[in-house]
Protein backbone atom coordinates (compact mmCIF):
# COMPACT_ATOMS: atom_id res chain seq x y z
CA MET A 1 124.23 -43.07 -127.35
CA ILE A 2 123.94 -43.52 -131.13
CA MET A 3 120.75 -45.05 -132.48
CA GLY A 4 119.41 -45.72 -135.94
CA ILE A 5 116.23 -44.08 -137.20
CA LYS A 6 113.74 -46.49 -138.75
CA GLN A 7 110.87 -44.23 -139.83
CA PHE A 8 109.69 -40.63 -140.00
CA ASN A 9 106.01 -39.82 -139.81
CA GLY A 10 104.07 -36.61 -139.87
CA SER A 11 100.67 -35.04 -140.17
CA TYR A 12 99.47 -31.48 -140.47
CA ILE A 13 97.02 -30.64 -137.68
CA PRO A 14 94.88 -27.69 -138.88
CA ILE A 15 93.44 -26.80 -135.47
CA GLU A 16 96.98 -26.39 -134.10
CA ASP A 17 98.43 -25.03 -137.38
CA ARG A 18 101.39 -27.28 -136.57
CA VAL A 19 103.00 -30.44 -137.79
CA LYS A 20 102.84 -33.47 -135.56
CA PHE A 21 106.19 -35.08 -136.39
CA ARG A 22 107.50 -38.30 -134.97
CA PHE A 23 110.23 -40.78 -135.64
CA ASN A 24 111.10 -44.17 -134.26
CA SER A 25 114.40 -45.91 -133.80
CA GLU A 26 115.80 -49.38 -134.24
CA GLU A 27 116.00 -49.47 -130.44
CA ASP A 28 112.14 -49.30 -130.30
CA ASN A 29 112.06 -45.67 -129.09
CA GLU A 30 109.60 -43.12 -130.43
CA TYR A 31 109.97 -39.33 -130.31
CA PRO A 32 106.73 -37.37 -130.87
CA LEU A 33 107.23 -33.65 -131.58
CA TRP A 34 105.26 -30.53 -132.51
CA LEU A 35 106.86 -28.47 -135.27
CA THR A 36 105.63 -24.91 -135.76
CA ARG A 37 105.48 -23.17 -139.12
CA ARG A 38 108.61 -21.16 -138.23
CA VAL A 39 110.62 -24.24 -137.23
CA THR A 40 109.46 -26.27 -140.23
CA LEU A 41 110.24 -23.55 -142.76
CA PHE A 42 113.60 -22.92 -141.09
CA ILE A 43 114.56 -26.61 -141.39
CA LEU A 44 113.58 -26.58 -145.06
CA ALA A 45 115.50 -23.39 -145.84
CA ALA A 46 118.58 -24.23 -143.75
CA THR A 47 119.02 -27.73 -145.13
CA GLU A 48 118.58 -26.56 -148.71
CA HIS A 49 121.14 -23.78 -148.12
CA LEU A 50 123.66 -26.14 -146.50
CA VAL A 51 123.41 -28.66 -149.35
CA GLU A 52 124.01 -25.92 -151.92
CA LYS A 53 126.92 -24.40 -149.97
CA ARG A 54 128.60 -27.82 -149.71
CA LEU A 55 128.18 -28.33 -153.47
CA GLU A 56 129.57 -24.84 -154.15
CA GLN A 57 132.90 -26.05 -152.76
CA LYS A 58 133.30 -28.11 -155.94
CA HIS A 59 130.98 -26.37 -158.42
CA ASN A 60 129.95 -22.85 -159.36
CA LYS A 61 126.76 -21.50 -157.77
CA PRO A 62 124.35 -22.22 -160.68
CA ALA A 63 125.72 -25.75 -161.07
CA ALA A 64 125.49 -26.37 -157.31
CA LYS A 65 121.86 -25.23 -157.31
CA ALA A 66 121.06 -27.49 -160.30
CA ILE A 67 122.79 -30.51 -158.73
CA ALA A 68 120.94 -29.97 -155.44
CA LYS A 69 117.61 -29.78 -157.28
CA PHE A 70 118.44 -32.90 -159.33
CA ASN A 71 119.35 -34.86 -156.18
CA HIS A 72 116.18 -33.69 -154.42
CA ASP A 73 114.04 -34.61 -157.44
CA THR A 74 115.65 -38.07 -157.49
CA ILE A 75 114.72 -38.62 -153.83
CA LYS A 76 111.21 -37.32 -154.58
CA GLU A 77 110.79 -39.92 -157.35
CA ARG A 78 111.89 -42.75 -155.09
CA ALA A 79 110.02 -41.73 -151.94
CA ASN A 80 107.07 -43.90 -150.96
CA PHE A 81 104.56 -42.24 -148.64
CA ASP A 82 102.26 -45.24 -148.41
CA GLU A 83 104.27 -47.22 -145.89
CA GLU A 84 102.50 -47.92 -142.60
CA TYR A 85 104.12 -46.28 -139.59
CA ILE A 86 104.96 -48.79 -136.88
CA PRO A 87 104.80 -47.12 -133.46
CA ALA A 88 107.53 -47.94 -130.97
CA SER A 89 106.89 -49.21 -127.45
CA GLN A 90 109.19 -46.80 -125.56
CA PHE A 91 108.80 -43.02 -125.37
CA PRO A 92 111.88 -41.33 -123.85
CA LEU A 93 110.20 -37.87 -124.10
CA GLY A 94 106.74 -39.14 -123.16
CA THR A 95 103.76 -40.11 -125.32
CA ASP A 96 102.50 -36.55 -125.91
CA PRO A 97 104.27 -34.48 -128.58
CA VAL A 98 106.90 -32.07 -127.26
CA LEU A 99 107.04 -28.58 -128.79
CA VAL A 100 110.26 -27.83 -130.66
CA MET A 101 111.09 -24.28 -129.56
CA ASP A 102 113.98 -23.69 -131.94
CA VAL A 103 116.35 -25.54 -134.22
CA LYS A 104 120.02 -25.34 -135.18
CA CYS A 105 121.34 -27.06 -138.27
CA VAL A 106 124.89 -27.56 -139.50
CA MET A 107 126.54 -29.93 -141.93
CA ILE A 108 129.49 -31.84 -140.52
CA GLN A 109 131.77 -34.63 -141.66
CA ILE A 110 131.66 -38.04 -139.98
CA ASP A 111 133.91 -40.73 -141.42
CA ARG A 112 134.45 -38.46 -144.46
CA GLN A 113 130.72 -38.34 -145.18
CA ASP A 114 128.47 -35.27 -145.09
CA VAL A 115 126.01 -35.47 -142.22
CA PHE A 116 123.38 -33.01 -141.02
CA SER A 117 123.50 -32.29 -137.33
CA LEU A 118 120.04 -31.08 -136.41
CA ASP A 119 119.63 -29.75 -132.86
CA LEU A 120 116.00 -29.58 -131.83
CA ILE A 121 115.67 -27.24 -128.86
CA LEU A 122 112.93 -28.42 -126.53
CA PRO A 123 111.25 -26.64 -123.58
CA ASP A 124 113.43 -25.96 -120.53
CA GLY A 125 116.52 -25.91 -122.76
CA ALA A 126 116.58 -29.65 -123.43
CA ASP A 127 118.17 -30.59 -126.77
CA LEU A 128 117.55 -33.52 -129.08
CA ASN A 129 120.37 -33.93 -131.61
CA LEU A 130 119.79 -35.87 -134.82
CA LYS A 131 122.63 -36.80 -137.12
CA LEU A 132 121.19 -37.54 -140.56
CA SER A 133 122.86 -38.61 -143.79
CA VAL A 134 122.14 -36.34 -146.75
CA PRO A 135 119.73 -38.87 -148.33
CA MET A 136 117.86 -39.29 -145.05
CA MET A 137 117.63 -35.51 -144.58
CA GLU A 138 116.28 -35.26 -148.13
CA VAL A 139 113.49 -37.72 -147.23
CA MET A 140 112.73 -35.73 -144.09
CA ARG A 141 112.68 -32.50 -146.13
CA LEU A 142 110.30 -34.04 -148.63
CA LEU A 143 107.92 -35.07 -145.85
CA LEU A 144 108.08 -31.59 -144.27
CA GLU A 145 107.54 -29.93 -147.67
CA ARG A 146 104.39 -31.97 -148.26
CA LEU A 147 103.08 -31.13 -144.80
CA ALA A 148 103.84 -27.42 -145.30
CA VAL A 149 101.86 -27.52 -148.55
CA GLN A 150 98.94 -29.08 -146.65
CA GLY A 151 99.16 -26.22 -144.17
CA ASN A 152 99.24 -23.66 -146.98
CA TRP A 153 102.30 -22.16 -145.33
CA GLY A 154 103.33 -20.06 -148.29
CA HIS A 155 106.73 -19.88 -149.94
CA LEU A 156 108.77 -23.04 -149.62
CA PRO A 157 112.49 -23.28 -150.32
CA LEU A 158 111.99 -25.83 -153.10
CA ASN A 159 109.35 -26.11 -155.79
CA VAL A 160 106.78 -28.42 -154.19
CA PRO A 161 103.95 -29.51 -156.50
CA GLU A 162 100.44 -29.28 -155.10
CA GLN A 163 98.85 -32.66 -154.53
CA ASN A 164 95.96 -33.46 -156.87
CA SER A 165 94.35 -35.93 -154.48
CA PRO A 166 92.85 -35.02 -151.11
CA ALA A 167 95.56 -34.50 -148.51
CA GLN A 168 96.33 -37.55 -146.43
CA ASN A 169 95.99 -37.19 -142.69
CA GLU A 170 99.29 -38.89 -142.07
CA MET A 171 102.37 -39.59 -144.15
CA THR A 172 105.20 -42.00 -143.54
CA PRO A 173 107.97 -42.01 -146.13
CA SER A 174 110.05 -45.11 -146.57
CA PHE A 175 113.75 -45.04 -147.27
CA SER A 176 116.60 -47.47 -147.65
CA LYS A 177 117.70 -49.57 -144.70
CA GLU A 178 120.94 -47.56 -144.48
CA LYS A 179 121.90 -46.99 -140.84
CA LYS A 180 120.72 -43.57 -139.61
CA ASN A 181 122.26 -42.07 -136.48
CA PHE A 182 121.02 -39.62 -133.91
CA HIS A 183 121.90 -38.77 -130.34
């Protein structure tokens, strides 16, 4: 079944040294997840790499890197982390966050558009597959980057500025109403 993602939300939980990540769908489903440092940093590195590799098909490596950074900076300027997260009423995985054990990420084409296919491997081999447009993945990356900075998780794939204000407990980025798909 294909559903549209409405919102991402996340918070760094120091006592767990993990990110509590959740998203809700237009179908009023919510998916609460635990992301470890390893999984979070892998998502950041893999998605950055895949964007650059796709751009290298049309541009040389330095130009591809510059274009990727420009696109990411544009998303960063437009992102609004002050939106209130609206919890859903249905929880297909349960109300407690589920630990993401591993992740696989590839870029595919759907209707001649680049889409990230993000497979989140859950306990007992279960798999949650998200299909995200490049702009939506950029918003997700930005949220994860901010949370990784809060966790002081070291080197990040992109240059993430430190926040001057006290870290928020919870962040919910807003993005355009473009239809987002996941399985």
